[in-house]
Amino acid sequence: RSRGMSLSSRRSSMMPGPRKVADPRPIGNKAYTTESIRKLITYLTEHGYDRSISPKILLSPTTKDFVNIVTFLLRSIDPNFAFVGKLEDELPVILRTLGYPTNVTKGALSAVGVPHTWP
């Protein structure tokens, strides 16, 4: 059986709908950002991410870097995961389904290397 279905199309009827929650993370704090980047690099390298990764890449990722990292992370949930449509359309639904605390807009996804666009 083909696994062409995305995570976004597997939303359970048991999952709650979108909710408006303030993001408790201090994302504007440089120490928090530095520590988060360190943790992400550690996770990626310890779990077999096979592409180049560094704080510089994560501070200003290209769209390709972002897609590679997000795909890798989503494959830790579903090893057969692949985007079947546009990232800008699918990822907000996937993140909402997974309980990401804030809304990710198409605008934020079209400018992934610009830190102030991220919630």
N, C-alpha and C. Protein backbone atom coordinates (compact mmCIF):
# COMPACT_ATOMS: atom_id res chain seq x y z
N ARG A 1 0.84 -1.18 0.00
CA ARG A 1 0.00 0.00 0.00
C ARG A 1 0.88 1.24 0.00
N SER A 2 0.53 2.22 -0.79
CA SER A 2 1.29 3.46 -0.89
C SER A 2 1.06 4.32 0.35
N ARG A 3 2.11 4.96 0.82
CA ARG A 3 1.99 5.83 1.98
C ARG A 3 2.07 7.29 1.57
N GLY A 4 1.41 7.67 0.49
CA GLY A 4 1.45 9.02 -0.02
C GLY A 4 0.63 10.01 0.79
N MET A 5 -0.05 9.54 1.80
CA MET A 5 -0.89 10.39 2.63
C MET A 5 0.00 11.18 3.59
N SER A 6 -0.27 12.44 3.77
CA SER A 6 0.52 13.25 4.67
C SER A 6 -0.04 13.17 6.09
N LEU A 7 0.76 13.60 7.06
CA LEU A 7 0.29 13.63 8.43
C LEU A 7 -0.93 14.51 8.57
N SER A 8 -0.99 15.58 7.78
CA SER A 8 -2.11 16.51 7.90
C SER A 8 -3.43 15.88 7.52
N SER A 9 -3.40 14.84 6.71
CA SER A 9 -4.64 14.20 6.31
C SER A 9 -5.07 13.11 7.28
N ARG A 10 -4.29 12.91 8.34
CA ARG A 10 -4.59 11.87 9.32
C ARG A 10 -5.14 12.43 10.62
N ARG A 11 -5.66 13.61 10.58
CA ARG A 11 -6.16 14.24 11.80
C ARG A 11 -7.23 13.36 12.44
N SER A 12 -7.06 13.08 13.69
CA SER A 12 -8.01 12.27 14.42
C SER A 12 -9.20 13.12 14.86
N SER A 13 -10.36 12.52 14.88
CA SER A 13 -11.53 13.25 15.35
C SER A 13 -11.42 13.52 16.85
N MET A 14 -10.50 12.87 17.52
CA MET A 14 -10.30 13.06 18.94
C MET A 14 -9.42 14.28 19.23
N MET A 15 -8.73 14.81 18.22
CA MET A 15 -7.84 15.95 18.42
C MET A 15 -8.69 17.21 18.59
N PRO A 16 -8.32 18.05 19.56
CA PRO A 16 -9.08 19.29 19.73
C PRO A 16 -8.80 20.25 18.58
N GLY A 17 -9.71 21.16 18.36
CA GLY A 17 -9.55 22.16 17.31
C GLY A 17 -8.49 23.18 17.70
N PRO A 18 -8.23 24.12 16.81
CA PRO A 18 -7.23 25.14 17.10
C PRO A 18 -7.62 25.95 18.33
N ARG A 19 -6.61 26.34 19.08
CA ARG A 19 -6.86 27.15 20.26
C ARG A 19 -5.86 28.30 20.27
N LYS A 20 -6.25 29.39 20.86
CA LYS A 20 -5.40 30.56 20.94
C LYS A 20 -4.68 30.52 22.28
N VAL A 21 -3.38 30.25 22.25
CA VAL A 21 -2.58 30.17 23.46
C VAL A 21 -1.36 31.05 23.26
N ALA A 22 -1.05 31.85 24.26
CA ALA A 22 0.16 32.67 24.17
C ALA A 22 1.38 31.76 24.24
N ASP A 23 2.35 32.02 23.41
CA ASP A 23 3.58 31.23 23.39
C ASP A 23 4.40 31.58 24.63
N PRO A 24 4.62 30.61 25.53
CA PRO A 24 5.34 30.90 26.77
C PRO A 24 6.86 30.99 26.59
N ARG A 25 7.36 30.62 25.42
CA ARG A 25 8.81 30.61 25.23
C ARG A 25 9.35 32.03 25.05
N PRO A 26 10.50 32.33 25.65
CA PRO A 26 11.11 33.65 25.46
C PRO A 26 11.92 33.69 24.17
N ILE A 27 11.24 33.60 23.02
CA ILE A 27 11.94 33.45 21.75
C ILE A 27 12.77 34.67 21.36
N GLY A 28 12.54 35.81 21.98
CA GLY A 28 13.35 37.00 21.70
C GLY A 28 14.62 37.06 22.53
N ASN A 29 14.79 36.12 23.45
CA ASN A 29 15.94 36.10 24.35
C ASN A 29 17.09 35.36 23.68
N LYS A 30 18.24 36.04 23.54
CA LYS A 30 19.38 35.45 22.83
C LYS A 30 19.88 34.16 23.50
N ALA A 31 19.92 34.13 24.82
CA ALA A 31 20.39 32.93 25.53
C ALA A 31 19.44 31.76 25.25
N TYR A 32 18.14 32.03 25.23
CA TYR A 32 17.17 30.99 24.94
C TYR A 32 17.35 30.47 23.52
N THR A 33 17.52 31.38 22.57
CA THR A 33 17.73 31.00 21.17
C THR A 33 18.99 30.15 21.02
N THR A 34 20.08 30.59 21.64
CA THR A 34 21.35 29.86 21.57
C THR A 34 21.20 28.45 22.14
N GLU A 35 20.55 28.33 23.29
CA GLU A 35 20.35 27.02 23.91
C GLU A 35 19.43 26.14 23.07
N SER A 36 18.39 26.72 22.49
CA SER A 36 17.48 25.95 21.64
C SER A 36 18.21 25.43 20.40
N ILE A 37 19.05 26.25 19.81
CA ILE A 37 19.84 25.83 18.65
C ILE A 37 20.77 24.69 19.04
N ARG A 38 21.43 24.82 20.20
CA ARG A 38 22.33 23.76 20.67
C ARG A 38 21.57 22.45 20.84
N LYS A 39 20.39 22.51 21.44
CA LYS A 39 19.59 21.30 21.66
C LYS A 39 19.14 20.69 20.33
N LEU A 40 18.75 21.52 19.38
CA LEU A 40 18.33 21.00 18.08
C LEU A 40 19.49 20.34 17.35
N ILE A 41 20.66 20.96 17.36
CA ILE A 41 21.83 20.37 16.71
C ILE A 41 22.17 19.03 17.36
N THR A 42 22.13 18.99 18.69
CA THR A 42 22.41 17.74 19.41
C THR A 42 21.41 16.66 19.00
N TYR A 43 20.12 17.00 18.99
CA TYR A 43 19.10 16.02 18.60
C TYR A 43 19.34 15.53 17.18
N LEU A 44 19.53 16.45 16.26
CA LEU A 44 19.70 16.07 14.85
C LEU A 44 20.91 15.16 14.67
N THR A 45 22.04 15.53 15.27
CA THR A 45 23.25 14.72 15.07
C THR A 45 23.14 13.36 15.77
N GLU A 46 22.53 13.32 16.95
CA GLU A 46 22.39 12.05 17.66
C GLU A 46 21.38 11.11 17.00
N HIS A 47 20.51 11.65 16.17
CA HIS A 47 19.48 10.83 15.52
C HIS A 47 19.72 10.62 14.04
N GLY A 48 20.95 10.88 13.59
CA GLY A 48 21.33 10.51 12.23
C GLY A 48 21.06 11.51 11.13
N TYR A 49 20.86 12.78 11.47
CA TYR A 49 20.68 13.79 10.42
C TYR A 49 21.98 13.85 9.63
N ASP A 50 21.90 13.62 8.34
CA ASP A 50 23.12 13.45 7.54
C ASP A 50 23.50 14.66 6.69
N ARG A 51 22.95 15.80 7.01
CA ARG A 51 23.29 17.01 6.26
C ARG A 51 24.08 17.95 7.18
N SER A 52 24.72 18.92 6.55
CA SER A 52 25.49 19.90 7.31
C SER A 52 24.55 20.70 8.21
N ILE A 53 24.96 20.89 9.47
CA ILE A 53 24.15 21.63 10.42
C ILE A 53 25.08 22.43 11.33
N SER A 54 24.71 23.67 11.60
CA SER A 54 25.52 24.53 12.46
C SER A 54 24.62 25.63 13.01
N PRO A 55 25.09 26.32 14.06
CA PRO A 55 24.30 27.46 14.56
C PRO A 55 24.04 28.49 13.46
N LYS A 56 25.01 28.73 12.62
CA LYS A 56 24.84 29.72 11.54
C LYS A 56 23.70 29.31 10.61
N ILE A 57 23.64 28.03 10.24
CA ILE A 57 22.56 27.53 9.37
C ILE A 57 21.21 27.71 10.05
N LEU A 58 21.13 27.39 11.35
CA LEU A 58 19.85 27.47 12.05
C LEU A 58 19.42 28.91 12.33
N LEU A 59 20.36 29.83 12.45
CA LEU A 59 19.99 31.23 12.66
C LEU A 59 19.38 31.86 11.42
N SER A 60 19.79 31.36 10.25
CA SER A 60 19.27 31.91 9.00
C SER A 60 19.18 30.80 7.95
N PRO A 61 18.28 29.84 8.16
CA PRO A 61 18.21 28.69 7.25
C PRO A 61 17.64 29.07 5.88
N THR A 62 18.12 28.38 4.88
CA THR A 62 17.51 28.51 3.56
C THR A 62 16.21 27.71 3.59
N THR A 63 15.38 27.91 2.60
CA THR A 63 14.14 27.12 2.52
C THR A 63 14.49 25.64 2.43
N LYS A 64 15.53 25.31 1.68
CA LYS A 64 15.94 23.91 1.54
C LYS A 64 16.38 23.34 2.89
N ASP A 65 17.19 24.10 3.65
CA ASP A 65 17.60 23.65 4.99
C ASP A 65 16.38 23.39 5.86
N PHE A 66 15.45 24.33 5.85
CA PHE A 66 14.25 24.22 6.67
C PHE A 66 13.43 22.98 6.30
N VAL A 67 13.21 22.79 5.01
CA VAL A 67 12.43 21.63 4.55
C VAL A 67 13.13 20.34 4.95
N ASN A 68 14.45 20.27 4.79
CA ASN A 68 15.19 19.06 5.16
C ASN A 68 15.07 18.77 6.65
N ILE A 69 15.21 19.79 7.48
CA ILE A 69 15.13 19.59 8.93
C ILE A 69 13.72 19.20 9.34
N VAL A 70 12.71 19.91 8.85
CA VAL A 70 11.32 19.59 9.21
C VAL A 70 10.95 18.19 8.74
N THR A 71 11.35 17.83 7.53
CA THR A 71 11.06 16.48 7.03
C THR A 71 11.72 15.44 7.91
N PHE A 72 12.98 15.67 8.29
CA PHE A 72 13.69 14.74 9.18
C PHE A 72 12.95 14.59 10.51
N LEU A 73 12.54 15.71 11.10
CA LEU A 73 11.84 15.66 12.38
C LEU A 73 10.49 14.94 12.26
N LEU A 74 9.75 15.21 11.20
CA LEU A 74 8.46 14.55 11.02
C LEU A 74 8.62 13.06 10.73
N ARG A 75 9.74 12.68 10.14
CA ARG A 75 9.99 11.25 9.92
C ARG A 75 10.32 10.52 11.21
N SER A 76 10.63 11.24 12.28
CA SER A 76 10.81 10.58 13.57
C SER A 76 9.45 10.16 14.13
N ILE A 77 8.39 10.79 13.64
CA ILE A 77 7.02 10.41 14.02
C ILE A 77 6.48 9.38 13.04
N ASP A 78 6.70 9.60 11.76
CA ASP A 78 6.23 8.71 10.69
C ASP A 78 7.38 8.51 9.71
N PRO A 79 8.07 7.36 9.77
CA PRO A 79 9.23 7.12 8.90
C PRO A 79 8.95 7.27 7.41
N ASN A 80 7.70 7.17 7.00
CA ASN A 80 7.36 7.29 5.58
C ASN A 80 6.85 8.68 5.20
N PHE A 81 6.99 9.63 6.11
CA PHE A 81 6.46 10.97 5.85
C PHE A 81 7.10 11.61 4.63
N ALA A 82 6.26 12.27 3.84
CA ALA A 82 6.71 13.11 2.73
C ALA A 82 5.64 14.16 2.50
N PHE A 83 6.06 15.38 2.21
CA PHE A 83 5.09 16.40 1.84
C PHE A 83 4.49 16.01 0.51
N VAL A 84 3.17 15.99 0.42
CA VAL A 84 2.51 15.64 -0.84
C VAL A 84 1.97 16.87 -1.55
N GLY A 85 1.94 17.97 -0.85
CA GLY A 85 1.50 19.24 -1.42
C GLY A 85 2.53 20.30 -1.10
N LYS A 86 2.09 21.54 -1.13
CA LYS A 86 2.98 22.64 -0.81
C LYS A 86 3.24 22.71 0.69
N LEU A 87 4.49 22.90 1.05
CA LEU A 87 4.88 23.03 2.44
C LEU A 87 4.03 24.11 3.13
N GLU A 88 3.84 25.25 2.47
CA GLU A 88 3.09 26.36 3.06
C GLU A 88 1.65 25.98 3.39
N ASP A 89 1.10 25.03 2.65
CA ASP A 89 -0.27 24.59 2.90
C ASP A 89 -0.32 23.47 3.94
N GLU A 90 0.61 22.55 3.86
CA GLU A 90 0.57 21.36 4.72
C GLU A 90 1.11 21.57 6.13
N LEU A 91 2.26 22.27 6.24
CA LEU A 91 2.91 22.35 7.54
C LEU A 91 2.06 23.03 8.62
N PRO A 92 1.37 24.13 8.34
CA PRO A 92 0.53 24.70 9.40
C PRO A 92 -0.51 23.71 9.93
N VAL A 93 -1.09 22.92 9.06
CA VAL A 93 -2.09 21.92 9.48
C VAL A 93 -1.42 20.83 10.31
N ILE A 94 -0.26 20.38 9.87
CA ILE A 94 0.47 19.35 10.61
C ILE A 94 0.83 19.86 12.00
N LEU A 95 1.39 21.07 12.08
CA LEU A 95 1.79 21.62 13.37
C LEU A 95 0.59 21.81 14.29
N ARG A 96 -0.52 22.27 13.76
CA ARG A 96 -1.74 22.43 14.54
C ARG A 96 -2.21 21.06 15.06
N THR A 97 -2.17 20.05 14.20
CA THR A 97 -2.58 18.70 14.58
C THR A 97 -1.69 18.14 15.69
N LEU A 98 -0.40 18.48 15.63
CA LEU A 98 0.54 18.00 16.64
C LEU A 98 0.50 18.84 17.93
N GLY A 99 -0.30 19.90 17.94
CA GLY A 99 -0.44 20.71 19.14
C GLY A 99 0.54 21.86 19.27
N TYR A 100 1.16 22.28 18.16
CA TYR A 100 2.07 23.43 18.22
C TYR A 100 1.29 24.61 18.78
N PRO A 101 1.87 25.32 19.75
CA PRO A 101 1.08 26.30 20.51
C PRO A 101 0.68 27.59 19.79
N THR A 102 1.29 27.90 18.66
CA THR A 102 0.92 29.13 17.96
C THR A 102 0.64 28.84 16.49
N ASN A 103 -0.02 29.78 15.85
CA ASN A 103 -0.35 29.63 14.44
C ASN A 103 0.86 29.97 13.58
N VAL A 104 1.23 29.10 12.66
CA VAL A 104 2.32 29.35 11.72
C VAL A 104 1.68 29.74 10.39
N THR A 105 2.02 30.93 9.92
CA THR A 105 1.39 31.45 8.71
C THR A 105 2.18 31.09 7.46
N LYS A 106 1.51 31.21 6.32
CA LYS A 106 2.19 31.01 5.04
C LYS A 106 3.31 32.02 4.88
N GLY A 107 3.10 33.24 5.37
CA GLY A 107 4.13 34.28 5.29
C GLY A 107 5.39 33.89 6.03
N ALA A 108 5.22 33.31 7.22
CA ALA A 108 6.39 32.86 7.99
C ALA A 108 7.13 31.76 7.24
N LEU A 109 6.39 30.88 6.58
CA LEU A 109 7.01 29.79 5.85
C LEU A 109 7.67 30.25 4.56
N SER A 110 7.22 31.35 4.01
CA SER A 110 7.84 31.84 2.78
C SER A 110 9.11 32.63 3.08
N ALA A 111 9.32 32.96 4.35
CA ALA A 111 10.52 33.70 4.75
C ALA A 111 11.18 33.01 5.93
N VAL A 112 11.48 31.72 5.79
CA VAL A 112 11.99 30.93 6.92
C VAL A 112 13.31 31.44 7.47
N GLY A 113 14.12 32.10 6.68
CA GLY A 113 15.41 32.60 7.15
C GLY A 113 15.35 33.92 7.88
N VAL A 114 14.17 34.49 8.02
CA VAL A 114 14.01 35.78 8.68
C VAL A 114 13.43 35.53 10.07
N PRO A 115 14.27 35.59 11.13
CA PRO A 115 13.82 35.20 12.47
C PRO A 115 12.57 35.91 12.98
N HIS A 116 12.36 37.17 12.66
CA HIS A 116 11.21 37.88 13.23
C HIS A 116 9.88 37.41 12.64
N THR A 117 9.91 36.57 11.61
CA THR A 117 8.65 36.06 11.06
C THR A 117 8.14 34.85 11.81
N TRP A 118 8.98 34.30 12.72
CA TRP A 118 8.60 33.06 13.40
C TRP A 118 7.92 33.29 14.73
N PRO A 119 6.81 32.58 14.94
CA PRO A 119 6.17 32.61 16.26
C PRO A 119 6.87 31.65 17.19
